[in-house]
């Protein structure tokens, strides 16, 4: 039997391909978005940049992630898993100095690794932005505050367990460490090598060790 094609279909083959867009692996496209945000920042990464990196259409992006802001939040959560092994040191049964040594040295390695953009996606993310993006800026600032709270809690634990001096100011020392990590992120973005970042980490570790009981 000969099937006669509709003349409209022959003139415009695309009309015959309408329907559900091809499926994609969410974690894979999210990883591509993460790398794009990491390299260009929230405001610097356009929808065109993101969809090109993710290999999907804008329609698919919005269908899967609702908005650029929600995509960014999801990318930040995925990013956190990259450093989860390093930051797990906060909860392990090791002394305080060793815990922060692992965090600082691990951060130096992550920030300078050649397989992804330099620096930290959270430490220096959205420090300045347009007022319409304040919600995103507040979200990232809250993530940084949670890290600061975790550092403070670990130092307080060290005081309770007797490996950190009782007179130590936990919040001040935590803020110092947070500032060092943020500074290392900027240095990495500016081209600092792993060796140079580890040197910075060593000075910070020495400061924590100065408070050892």
N, C-alpha and C. Protein backbone atom coordinates (compact mmCIF):
# COMPACT_ATOMS: atom_id res chain seq x y z
N UNK A 1 0.85 -1.20 0.00
CA UNK A 1 0.00 0.00 0.00
C UNK A 1 0.88 1.23 0.00
N UNK A 2 0.55 2.22 -0.82
CA UNK A 2 1.31 3.46 -0.88
C UNK A 2 0.63 4.47 0.04
N UNK A 3 1.44 5.02 0.95
CA UNK A 3 0.92 6.03 1.88
C UNK A 3 1.26 7.40 1.32
N UNK A 4 0.26 8.19 1.09
CA UNK A 4 0.47 9.55 0.59
C UNK A 4 0.65 10.49 1.77
N UNK A 5 1.78 11.16 1.81
CA UNK A 5 2.05 12.09 2.91
C UNK A 5 1.26 13.37 2.74
N UNK A 6 0.87 13.91 3.87
CA UNK A 6 0.19 15.20 3.87
C UNK A 6 1.13 16.25 3.30
N UNK A 7 0.62 17.09 2.42
CA UNK A 7 1.48 18.08 1.78
C UNK A 7 2.10 19.02 2.78
N UNK A 8 1.39 19.31 3.85
CA UNK A 8 1.94 20.19 4.88
C UNK A 8 3.14 19.56 5.55
N UNK A 9 3.03 18.24 5.83
CA UNK A 9 4.14 17.54 6.45
C UNK A 9 5.35 17.53 5.53
N UNK A 10 5.12 17.38 4.21
CA UNK A 10 6.24 17.34 3.28
C UNK A 10 6.95 18.68 3.21
N UNK A 11 6.19 19.75 3.30
CA UNK A 11 6.79 21.07 3.25
C UNK A 11 7.48 21.42 4.56
N UNK A 12 6.98 20.90 5.65
CA UNK A 12 7.53 21.25 6.97
C UNK A 12 7.67 19.99 7.81
N UNK A 13 8.74 19.21 7.60
CA UNK A 13 8.92 17.95 8.33
C UNK A 13 8.90 18.12 9.84
N UNK A 14 9.26 19.31 10.33
CA UNK A 14 9.31 19.52 11.78
C UNK A 14 7.95 19.33 12.42
N UNK A 15 6.88 19.55 11.63
CA UNK A 15 5.55 19.42 12.22
C UNK A 15 5.27 17.99 12.61
N UNK A 16 5.96 17.01 12.01
CA UNK A 16 5.73 15.62 12.32
C UNK A 16 6.52 15.15 13.54
N UNK A 17 7.38 16.06 14.08
CA UNK A 17 8.23 15.64 15.20
C UNK A 17 7.77 16.27 16.51
N UNK A 18 6.60 16.86 16.49
CA UNK A 18 6.10 17.44 17.73
C UNK A 18 5.76 16.36 18.73
N UNK A 19 5.79 16.74 20.00
CA UNK A 19 5.48 15.79 21.05
C UNK A 19 6.41 15.97 22.22
N UNK A 20 6.50 14.98 23.03
CA UNK A 20 7.33 15.06 24.24
C UNK A 20 8.80 15.17 23.86
N UNK A 21 9.54 16.15 24.44
CA UNK A 21 10.95 16.29 24.12
C UNK A 21 11.75 15.09 24.62
N UNK A 22 12.94 14.86 24.02
CA UNK A 22 13.75 13.72 24.44
C UNK A 22 14.06 13.77 25.94
N UNK A 23 14.10 12.62 26.56
CA UNK A 23 14.42 12.56 27.98
C UNK A 23 15.91 12.83 28.18
N UNK A 24 16.27 13.33 29.37
CA UNK A 24 17.68 13.55 29.69
C UNK A 24 17.91 13.20 31.15
N UNK A 25 19.16 12.94 31.46
CA UNK A 25 19.52 12.61 32.83
C UNK A 25 19.64 13.90 33.63
N UNK A 26 18.83 14.03 34.66
CA UNK A 26 18.77 15.28 35.42
C UNK A 26 20.12 15.63 36.05
N UNK A 27 20.78 14.65 36.64
CA UNK A 27 22.04 14.94 37.32
C UNK A 27 23.12 15.36 36.32
N UNK A 28 23.08 14.79 35.12
CA UNK A 28 24.07 15.14 34.11
C UNK A 28 23.91 16.58 33.64
N UNK A 29 22.67 16.96 33.32
CA UNK A 29 22.46 18.34 32.86
C UNK A 29 22.65 19.32 34.02
N UNK A 30 22.33 18.90 35.23
CA UNK A 30 22.54 19.76 36.39
C UNK A 30 24.02 19.99 36.61
N UNK A 31 24.83 18.96 36.39
CA UNK A 31 26.28 19.10 36.51
C UNK A 31 26.81 20.12 35.51
N UNK A 32 26.28 20.10 34.29
CA UNK A 32 26.69 21.07 33.27
C UNK A 32 26.29 22.49 33.69
N UNK A 33 25.10 22.63 34.26
CA UNK A 33 24.66 23.93 34.75
C UNK A 33 25.54 24.40 35.89
N UNK A 34 25.88 23.48 36.78
CA UNK A 34 26.76 23.82 37.91
C UNK A 34 28.08 24.38 37.43
N UNK A 35 28.69 23.72 36.45
CA UNK A 35 29.97 24.19 35.92
C UNK A 35 29.83 25.58 35.31
N UNK A 36 28.72 25.83 34.64
CA UNK A 36 28.50 27.13 34.00
C UNK A 36 28.32 28.22 35.04
N UNK A 37 27.49 27.96 36.05
CA UNK A 37 27.32 28.93 37.13
C UNK A 37 28.64 29.16 37.87
N UNK A 38 29.36 28.08 38.11
CA UNK A 38 30.63 28.14 38.84
C UNK A 38 31.62 29.04 38.09
N UNK A 39 31.65 28.93 36.78
CA UNK A 39 32.59 29.70 35.98
C UNK A 39 32.16 31.16 35.81
N UNK A 40 30.85 31.40 35.65
CA UNK A 40 30.38 32.73 35.27
C UNK A 40 29.58 33.45 36.35
N UNK A 41 29.20 32.76 37.42
CA UNK A 41 28.36 33.37 38.43
C UNK A 41 26.90 33.32 38.04
N UNK A 42 26.03 33.69 38.97
CA UNK A 42 24.59 33.60 38.71
C UNK A 42 24.17 34.57 37.61
N UNK A 43 24.55 35.83 37.76
CA UNK A 43 24.12 36.82 36.78
C UNK A 43 24.88 36.67 35.46
N UNK A 44 26.12 36.22 35.52
CA UNK A 44 26.92 36.10 34.30
C UNK A 44 26.52 34.94 33.42
N UNK A 45 25.85 33.95 33.97
CA UNK A 45 25.42 32.78 33.19
C UNK A 45 24.03 33.04 32.62
N UNK A 46 23.95 33.23 31.31
CA UNK A 46 22.65 33.47 30.67
C UNK A 46 21.93 32.16 30.42
N UNK A 47 20.66 32.26 30.14
CA UNK A 47 19.89 31.06 29.78
C UNK A 47 20.49 30.41 28.53
N UNK A 48 20.96 31.22 27.58
CA UNK A 48 21.60 30.67 26.39
C UNK A 48 22.87 29.90 26.75
N UNK A 49 23.67 30.45 27.68
CA UNK A 49 24.88 29.75 28.14
C UNK A 49 24.51 28.42 28.78
N UNK A 50 23.50 28.47 29.63
CA UNK A 50 23.11 27.28 30.38
C UNK A 50 22.56 26.19 29.47
N UNK A 51 21.65 26.56 28.58
CA UNK A 51 21.06 25.53 27.72
C UNK A 51 22.09 24.96 26.74
N UNK A 52 23.04 25.79 26.30
CA UNK A 52 24.10 25.29 25.43
C UNK A 52 24.96 24.26 26.16
N UNK A 53 25.30 24.57 27.40
CA UNK A 53 26.12 23.65 28.19
C UNK A 53 25.36 22.38 28.56
N UNK A 54 24.08 22.54 28.86
CA UNK A 54 23.25 21.41 29.29
C UNK A 54 22.77 20.56 28.13
N UNK A 55 22.80 21.12 26.91
CA UNK A 55 22.34 20.40 25.74
C UNK A 55 20.83 20.21 25.69
N UNK A 56 20.09 21.18 26.25
CA UNK A 56 18.63 21.11 26.25
C UNK A 56 18.07 22.45 25.80
N UNK A 57 16.80 22.49 25.53
CA UNK A 57 16.15 23.73 25.12
C UNK A 57 15.73 24.54 26.35
N UNK A 58 15.50 25.83 26.16
CA UNK A 58 14.97 26.63 27.27
C UNK A 58 13.66 26.05 27.82
N UNK A 59 12.81 25.55 26.92
CA UNK A 59 11.54 24.95 27.35
C UNK A 59 11.79 23.77 28.29
N UNK A 60 12.77 22.92 27.95
CA UNK A 60 13.09 21.77 28.79
C UNK A 60 13.68 22.21 30.13
N UNK A 61 14.50 23.26 30.09
CA UNK A 61 15.10 23.78 31.33
C UNK A 61 14.00 24.22 32.29
N UNK A 62 13.06 25.02 31.79
CA UNK A 62 11.99 25.52 32.66
C UNK A 62 11.05 24.40 33.10
N UNK A 63 10.85 23.42 32.24
CA UNK A 63 9.98 22.31 32.61
C UNK A 63 10.59 21.48 33.73
N UNK A 64 11.91 21.32 33.70
CA UNK A 64 12.59 20.48 34.68
C UNK A 64 12.95 21.21 35.96
N UNK A 65 13.27 22.52 35.85
CA UNK A 65 13.80 23.24 37.01
C UNK A 65 12.99 24.48 37.39
N UNK A 66 11.93 24.76 36.67
CA UNK A 66 11.00 25.87 36.96
C UNK A 66 11.55 27.25 36.61
N UNK A 67 12.78 27.56 37.03
CA UNK A 67 13.32 28.89 36.80
C UNK A 67 14.85 28.83 36.88
N UNK A 68 15.48 29.89 36.42
CA UNK A 68 16.94 29.99 36.54
C UNK A 68 17.35 29.97 38.01
N UNK A 69 16.57 30.65 38.84
CA UNK A 69 16.88 30.70 40.27
C UNK A 69 16.82 29.32 40.91
N UNK A 70 15.78 28.55 40.57
CA UNK A 70 15.67 27.20 41.12
C UNK A 70 16.76 26.29 40.58
N UNK A 71 17.14 26.49 39.32
CA UNK A 71 18.25 25.72 38.75
C UNK A 71 19.54 26.02 39.51
N UNK A 72 19.75 27.28 39.83
CA UNK A 72 20.96 27.68 40.57
C UNK A 72 20.98 27.06 41.96
N UNK A 73 19.84 27.07 42.63
CA UNK A 73 19.77 26.45 43.96
C UNK A 73 20.10 24.96 43.88
N UNK A 74 19.56 24.30 42.87
CA UNK A 74 19.84 22.87 42.69
C UNK A 74 21.31 22.64 42.39
N UNK A 75 21.90 23.52 41.59
CA UNK A 75 23.32 23.40 41.26
C UNK A 75 24.19 23.60 42.50
N UNK A 76 23.80 24.53 43.36
CA UNK A 76 24.53 24.76 44.60
C UNK A 76 24.49 23.52 45.50
N UNK A 77 23.33 22.89 45.58
CA UNK A 77 23.21 21.69 46.40
C UNK A 77 24.08 20.56 45.84
N UNK A 78 24.11 20.44 44.51
CA UNK A 78 24.97 19.43 43.91
C UNK A 78 26.44 19.76 44.18
N UNK A 79 26.78 21.05 44.11
CA UNK A 79 28.16 21.47 44.38
C UNK A 79 28.60 21.07 45.79
N UNK A 80 27.69 21.19 46.73
CA UNK A 80 28.04 20.87 48.12
C UNK A 80 28.52 19.43 48.27
N UNK A 81 28.03 18.54 47.43
CA UNK A 81 28.44 17.14 47.53
C UNK A 81 29.90 16.95 47.15
N UNK A 82 30.45 17.89 46.35
CA UNK A 82 31.85 17.78 45.94
C UNK A 82 32.79 17.91 47.14
N UNK A 83 32.40 18.75 48.09
CA UNK A 83 33.25 18.95 49.26
C UNK A 83 32.76 18.24 50.50
N UNK A 84 31.76 17.36 50.32
CA UNK A 84 31.17 16.71 51.50
C UNK A 84 32.19 15.86 52.25
N UNK A 85 33.09 15.19 51.52
CA UNK A 85 34.09 14.35 52.19
C UNK A 85 35.04 15.20 53.01
N UNK A 86 35.43 16.35 52.47
CA UNK A 86 36.32 17.25 53.20
C UNK A 86 35.65 17.78 54.45
N UNK A 87 34.41 18.27 54.30
CA UNK A 87 33.73 18.88 55.44
C UNK A 87 33.16 17.86 56.42
N UNK A 88 33.18 16.59 56.05
CA UNK A 88 32.75 15.57 57.00
C UNK A 88 33.70 15.49 58.19
N UNK A 89 34.89 16.09 58.04
CA UNK A 89 35.86 16.12 59.14
C UNK A 89 35.29 16.80 60.38
N UNK A 90 34.31 17.69 60.19
CA UNK A 90 33.73 18.39 61.33
C UNK A 90 33.03 17.44 62.29
N UNK A 91 32.52 16.33 61.78
CA UNK A 91 31.77 15.41 62.64
C UNK A 91 32.54 14.18 63.04
N UNK A 92 33.77 14.06 62.60
CA UNK A 92 34.53 12.84 62.88
C UNK A 92 35.24 12.92 64.24
N UNK A 93 35.56 11.76 64.81
CA UNK A 93 36.20 11.73 66.13
C UNK A 93 37.70 12.02 66.06
N UNK A 94 38.04 13.21 65.58
CA UNK A 94 39.43 13.64 65.52
C UNK A 94 39.52 14.98 66.25
N UNK A 95 40.72 15.39 66.59
CA UNK A 95 40.87 16.65 67.32
C UNK A 95 40.56 17.84 66.40
N UNK A 96 40.32 18.98 67.01
CA UNK A 96 39.87 20.16 66.28
C UNK A 96 40.88 20.63 65.26
N UNK A 97 42.15 20.66 65.63
CA UNK A 97 43.18 21.13 64.70
C UNK A 97 43.22 20.22 63.47
N UNK A 98 43.16 18.93 63.69
CA UNK A 98 43.18 17.98 62.56
C UNK A 98 41.96 18.15 61.67
N UNK A 99 40.81 18.43 62.27
CA UNK A 99 39.59 18.61 61.50
C UNK A 99 39.73 19.81 60.56
N UNK A 100 40.21 20.92 61.08
CA UNK A 100 40.34 22.11 60.24
C UNK A 100 41.52 22.01 59.28
N UNK A 101 42.53 21.26 59.65
CA UNK A 101 43.62 21.02 58.71
C UNK A 101 43.09 20.30 57.47
N UNK A 102 42.24 19.31 57.70
CA UNK A 102 41.68 18.58 56.57
C UNK A 102 40.78 19.46 55.71
N UNK A 103 40.01 20.31 56.36
CA UNK A 103 39.12 21.21 55.63
C UNK A 103 39.92 22.21 54.79
N UNK A 104 40.94 22.79 55.39
CA UNK A 104 41.71 23.82 54.70
C UNK A 104 42.52 23.22 53.55
N UNK A 105 43.16 22.10 53.80
CA UNK A 105 43.95 21.47 52.73
C UNK A 105 43.03 20.91 51.64
N UNK A 106 41.90 20.36 52.05
CA UNK A 106 40.94 19.87 51.06
C UNK A 106 40.38 20.99 50.21
N UNK A 107 40.12 22.14 50.84
CA UNK A 107 39.61 23.29 50.10
C UNK A 107 40.64 23.76 49.08
N UNK A 108 41.91 23.80 49.47
CA UNK A 108 42.97 24.20 48.55
C UNK A 108 43.00 23.30 47.33
N UNK A 109 42.81 22.01 47.55
CA UNK A 109 42.83 21.05 46.44
C UNK A 109 41.62 21.23 45.53
N UNK A 110 40.44 21.40 46.12
CA UNK A 110 39.23 21.57 45.32
C UNK A 110 39.29 22.88 44.53
N UNK A 111 39.71 23.96 45.18
CA UNK A 111 39.71 25.28 44.54
C UNK A 111 40.66 25.34 43.36
N UNK A 112 41.72 24.54 43.37
CA UNK A 112 42.74 24.62 42.32
C UNK A 112 42.70 23.45 41.34
N UNK A 113 41.77 22.53 41.52
CA UNK A 113 41.71 21.35 40.66
C UNK A 113 41.49 21.75 39.20
N UNK A 114 42.21 21.11 38.27
CA UNK A 114 42.13 21.51 36.86
C UNK A 114 40.86 21.07 36.13
N UNK A 115 40.11 20.12 36.71
CA UNK A 115 38.98 19.56 35.97
C UNK A 115 37.69 20.38 36.09
N UNK A 116 37.72 21.46 36.85
CA UNK A 116 36.53 22.30 36.95
C UNK A 116 36.94 23.75 37.19
N UNK A 117 36.01 24.71 37.16
CA UNK A 117 36.36 26.11 37.40
C UNK A 117 37.06 26.31 38.74
N UNK A 118 37.89 27.33 38.82
CA UNK A 118 38.68 27.59 40.02
C UNK A 118 37.82 28.24 41.11
N UNK A 119 38.32 28.12 42.34
CA UNK A 119 37.66 28.76 43.46
C UNK A 119 36.47 27.99 43.98
N UNK A 120 35.72 28.64 44.86
CA UNK A 120 34.57 28.02 45.51
C UNK A 120 33.28 28.63 44.98
N UNK A 121 32.35 27.78 44.61
CA UNK A 121 31.08 28.26 44.06
C UNK A 121 30.23 28.97 45.11
N UNK A 122 30.46 28.69 46.39
CA UNK A 122 29.65 29.26 47.47
C UNK A 122 30.36 30.41 48.17
N UNK A 123 31.65 30.25 48.46
CA UNK A 123 32.38 31.24 49.27
C UNK A 123 32.30 32.64 48.71
N UNK A 124 32.44 32.78 47.41
CA UNK A 124 32.45 34.11 46.81
C UNK A 124 31.30 34.32 45.83
N UNK A 125 30.27 33.51 45.94
CA UNK A 125 29.14 33.61 45.01
C UNK A 125 28.20 34.76 45.37
N UNK A 126 27.73 35.48 44.36
CA UNK A 126 26.70 36.52 44.47
C UNK A 126 27.01 37.50 45.60
N UNK A 127 28.24 38.02 45.61
CA UNK A 127 28.58 39.02 46.62
C UNK A 127 27.98 40.38 46.26
N UNK A 128 27.89 40.63 44.97
CA UNK A 128 27.24 41.84 44.47
C UNK A 128 26.29 41.43 43.36
N UNK A 129 25.07 41.95 43.39
CA UNK A 129 24.12 41.60 42.35
C UNK A 129 23.04 42.66 42.25
N UNK A 130 22.28 42.59 41.17
CA UNK A 130 21.16 43.50 40.99
C UNK A 130 20.10 43.23 42.05
N UNK A 131 19.34 44.25 42.39
CA UNK A 131 18.37 44.13 43.47
C UNK A 131 17.33 43.05 43.21
N UNK A 132 17.02 42.78 41.92
CA UNK A 132 16.02 41.76 41.64
C UNK A 132 16.52 40.35 41.96
N UNK A 133 17.82 40.22 42.20
CA UNK A 133 18.39 38.93 42.54
C UNK A 133 18.74 38.81 44.03
N UNK A 134 18.18 39.69 44.83
CA UNK A 134 18.46 39.67 46.27
C UNK A 134 18.08 38.34 46.92
N UNK A 135 17.03 37.71 46.43
CA UNK A 135 16.60 36.43 47.02
C UNK A 135 17.70 35.38 46.86
N UNK A 136 18.33 35.36 45.68
CA UNK A 136 19.43 34.42 45.45
C UNK A 136 20.62 34.79 46.32
N UNK A 137 20.94 36.07 46.41
CA UNK A 137 22.06 36.51 47.25
C UNK A 137 21.83 36.11 48.70
N UNK A 138 20.60 36.27 49.17
CA UNK A 138 20.29 35.90 50.56
C UNK A 138 20.41 34.39 50.76
N UNK A 139 20.02 33.63 49.73
CA UNK A 139 20.12 32.17 49.82
C UNK A 139 21.58 31.73 49.98
N UNK A 140 22.46 32.31 49.17
CA UNK A 140 23.88 31.93 49.24
C UNK A 140 24.49 32.43 50.55
N UNK A 141 24.11 33.62 50.98
CA UNK A 141 24.62 34.14 52.26
C UNK A 141 24.21 33.22 53.41
N UNK A 142 22.99 32.69 53.34
CA UNK A 142 22.52 31.77 54.38
C UNK A 142 23.35 30.50 54.39
N UNK A 143 23.76 30.02 53.21
CA UNK A 143 24.62 28.84 53.13
C UNK A 143 25.97 29.12 53.80
N UNK A 144 26.50 30.32 53.57
CA UNK A 144 27.78 30.68 54.19
C UNK A 144 27.62 30.79 55.71
N UNK A 145 26.48 31.31 56.15
CA UNK A 145 26.25 31.41 57.60
C UNK A 145 26.16 30.03 58.24
N UNK A 146 25.55 29.06 57.52
CA UNK A 146 25.47 27.71 58.06
C UNK A 146 26.86 27.09 58.21
N UNK A 147 27.74 27.38 57.26
CA UNK A 147 29.12 26.90 57.37
C UNK A 147 29.81 27.54 58.56
N UNK A 148 29.57 28.83 58.75
CA UNK A 148 30.14 29.54 59.90
C UNK A 148 29.63 28.95 61.21
N UNK A 149 28.35 28.64 61.26
CA UNK A 149 27.77 28.03 62.46
C UNK A 149 28.40 26.66 62.73
N UNK A 150 28.63 25.90 61.65
CA UNK A 150 29.24 24.57 61.80
C UNK A 150 30.67 24.68 62.31
N UNK A 151 31.42 25.67 61.81
CA UNK A 151 32.79 25.89 62.29
C UNK A 151 32.77 26.27 63.77
N UNK A 152 31.85 27.16 64.14
CA UNK A 152 31.74 27.60 65.53
C UNK A 152 31.42 26.42 66.44
N UNK A 153 30.47 25.60 66.02
CA UNK A 153 30.07 24.44 66.82
C UNK A 153 31.24 23.47 67.00
N UNK A 154 32.05 23.32 65.96
CA UNK A 154 33.19 22.39 66.07
C UNK A 154 34.24 22.92 67.04
N UNK A 155 34.46 24.22 67.04
CA UNK A 155 35.42 24.80 67.98
C UNK A 155 34.88 24.70 69.41
N UNK A 156 33.60 24.95 69.58
CA UNK A 156 32.98 24.79 70.91
C UNK A 156 33.11 23.36 71.39
N UNK A 157 32.93 22.41 70.48
CA UNK A 157 33.12 21.00 70.84
C UNK A 157 34.56 20.75 71.29
N UNK A 158 35.51 21.37 70.59
CA UNK A 158 36.92 21.21 70.97
C UNK A 158 37.19 21.74 72.36
N UNK A 159 36.53 22.83 72.71
CA UNK A 159 36.69 23.38 74.08
C UNK A 159 36.10 22.41 75.09
N UNK A 160 34.93 21.87 74.81
CA UNK A 160 34.30 20.93 75.73
C UNK A 160 35.14 19.66 75.90
N UNK A 161 35.73 19.19 74.80
CA UNK A 161 36.49 17.96 74.85
C UNK A 161 37.93 18.16 75.32
N UNK A 162 38.31 19.43 75.48
CA UNK A 162 39.61 19.72 76.09
C UNK A 162 40.79 19.81 75.15
N UNK A 163 40.55 19.84 73.83
CA UNK A 163 41.72 19.99 72.94
C UNK A 163 41.91 21.43 72.45
N UNK A 164 40.97 22.32 72.81
CA UNK A 164 41.09 23.75 72.51
C UNK A 164 40.99 24.52 73.83
N UNK A 165 41.79 25.57 73.96
CA UNK A 165 41.83 26.36 75.19
C UNK A 165 40.45 26.91 75.55
N UNK A 166 40.16 26.91 76.81
CA UNK A 166 38.85 27.36 77.30
C UNK A 166 38.59 28.83 76.98
N UNK A 167 39.63 29.65 76.91
CA UNK A 167 39.44 31.08 76.68
C UNK A 167 39.30 31.45 75.21
N UNK A 168 39.30 30.48 74.34
CA UNK A 168 39.19 30.76 72.90
C UNK A 168 37.81 31.31 72.55
N UNK A 169 37.77 32.28 71.65
CA UNK A 169 36.50 32.84 71.16
C UNK A 169 36.07 32.02 69.94
N UNK A 170 35.13 31.10 70.10
CA UNK A 170 34.76 30.20 68.98
C UNK A 170 34.28 30.94 67.74
N UNK A 171 33.44 31.95 67.92
CA UNK A 171 32.88 32.65 66.76
C UNK A 171 33.96 33.41 66.01
N UNK A 172 34.83 34.06 66.74
CA UNK A 172 35.89 34.84 66.10
C UNK A 172 36.83 33.93 65.32
N UNK A 173 37.20 32.80 65.92
CA UNK A 173 38.09 31.87 65.23
C UNK A 173 37.39 31.27 64.01
N UNK A 174 36.09 30.99 64.13
CA UNK A 174 35.32 30.47 63.00
C UNK A 174 35.27 31.49 61.87
N UNK A 175 35.07 32.76 62.22
CA UNK A 175 35.03 33.81 61.19
C UNK A 175 36.39 33.95 60.51
N UNK A 176 37.46 33.82 61.29
CA UNK A 176 38.79 33.87 60.72
C UNK A 176 38.97 32.76 59.68
N UNK A 177 38.56 31.56 60.03
CA UNK A 177 38.70 30.44 59.11
C UNK A 177 37.83 30.62 57.87
N UNK A 178 36.61 31.15 58.07
CA UNK A 178 35.75 31.43 56.93
C UNK A 178 36.37 32.46 56.00
N UNK A 179 36.99 33.49 56.59
CA UNK A 179 37.64 34.52 55.78
C UNK A 179 38.82 33.95 55.00
N UNK A 180 39.57 33.06 55.62
CA UNK A 180 40.69 32.42 54.94
C UNK A 180 40.20 31.61 53.74
N UNK A 181 39.13 30.84 53.93
CA UNK A 181 38.61 30.02 52.84
C UNK A 181 38.07 30.89 51.71
N UNK A 182 37.37 31.99 52.07
CA UNK A 182 36.90 32.90 51.03
C UNK A 182 38.08 33.52 50.29
N UNK A 183 39.12 33.90 51.02
CA UNK A 183 40.30 34.47 50.39
C UNK A 183 41.01 33.47 49.49
N UNK A 184 41.08 32.22 49.92
CA UNK A 184 41.68 31.18 49.08
C UNK A 184 40.90 31.02 47.78
N UNK A 185 39.58 31.15 47.86
CA UNK A 185 38.75 31.05 46.67
C UNK A 185 39.10 32.15 45.67
N UNK A 186 39.22 33.38 46.17
CA UNK A 186 39.57 34.50 45.30
C UNK A 186 40.97 34.30 44.72
N UNK A 187 41.91 33.87 45.56
CA UNK A 187 43.28 33.64 45.08
C UNK A 187 43.30 32.58 43.98
N UNK A 188 42.51 31.53 44.16
CA UNK A 188 42.44 30.47 43.14
C UNK A 188 41.89 31.02 41.84
N UNK A 189 40.83 31.84 41.91
CA UNK A 189 40.27 32.43 40.70
C UNK A 189 41.28 33.33 40.00
N UNK A 190 42.19 33.91 40.79
CA UNK A 190 43.21 34.79 40.23
C UNK A 190 44.45 34.03 39.76
N UNK A 191 44.43 32.70 39.89
CA UNK A 191 45.52 31.91 39.34
C UNK A 191 46.48 31.29 40.32
N UNK A 192 46.20 31.39 41.63
CA UNK A 192 47.11 30.79 42.61
C UNK A 192 47.18 29.27 42.41
N UNK A 193 48.36 28.73 42.55
CA UNK A 193 48.58 27.29 42.38
C UNK A 193 48.18 26.53 43.63
N UNK A 194 48.12 25.21 43.53
CA UNK A 194 47.82 24.37 44.68
C UNK A 194 48.87 24.57 45.77
N UNK A 195 50.13 24.72 45.37
CA UNK A 195 51.19 24.92 46.37
C UNK A 195 51.01 26.24 47.11
N UNK A 196 50.62 27.28 46.38
CA UNK A 196 50.41 28.59 47.02
C UNK A 196 49.20 28.55 47.95
N UNK A 197 48.16 27.87 47.55
CA UNK A 197 46.98 27.77 48.41
C UNK A 197 47.28 26.94 49.66
N UNK A 198 48.07 25.90 49.50
CA UNK A 198 48.45 25.09 50.67
C UNK A 198 49.31 25.88 51.64
N UNK A 199 50.11 26.81 51.13
CA UNK A 199 50.89 27.69 52.01
C UNK A 199 49.96 28.55 52.85
N UNK A 200 48.91 29.09 52.22
CA UNK A 200 47.93 29.88 52.98
C UNK A 200 47.27 29.01 54.03
N UNK A 201 46.90 27.79 53.62
CA UNK A 201 46.26 26.86 54.56
C UNK A 201 47.16 26.58 55.74
N UNK A 202 48.45 26.46 55.51
CA UNK A 202 49.40 26.16 56.59
C UNK A 202 49.42 27.27 57.63
N UNK A 203 49.39 28.52 57.19
CA UNK A 203 49.36 29.64 58.14
C UNK A 203 48.07 29.59 58.98
N UNK A 204 46.95 29.28 58.33
CA UNK A 204 45.68 29.21 59.06
C UNK A 204 45.68 28.06 60.05
N UNK A 205 46.24 26.93 59.65
CA UNK A 205 46.33 25.78 60.56
C UNK A 205 47.18 26.12 61.77
N UNK A 206 48.25 26.88 61.54
CA UNK A 206 49.11 27.29 62.65
C UNK A 206 48.35 28.16 63.64
N UNK A 207 47.46 28.99 63.13
CA UNK A 207 46.66 29.85 64.01
C UNK A 207 45.70 29.01 64.85
N UNK A 208 45.06 28.03 64.24
CA UNK A 208 44.18 27.15 65.01
C UNK A 208 44.99 26.39 66.07
N UNK A 209 46.16 25.92 65.67
CA UNK A 209 47.01 25.16 66.60
C UNK A 209 47.46 26.01 67.78
N UNK A 210 47.53 27.32 67.59
CA UNK A 210 47.93 28.22 68.67
C UNK A 210 46.91 28.18 69.82
N UNK A 211 45.69 27.75 69.50
CA UNK A 211 44.63 27.67 70.52
C UNK A 211 44.49 26.27 71.10
N UNK A 212 45.42 25.39 70.73
CA UNK A 212 45.37 24.04 71.26
C UNK A 212 45.62 24.05 72.76
N UNK A 213 44.85 23.28 73.50
CA UNK A 213 44.97 23.23 74.97
C UNK A 213 46.24 22.50 75.36
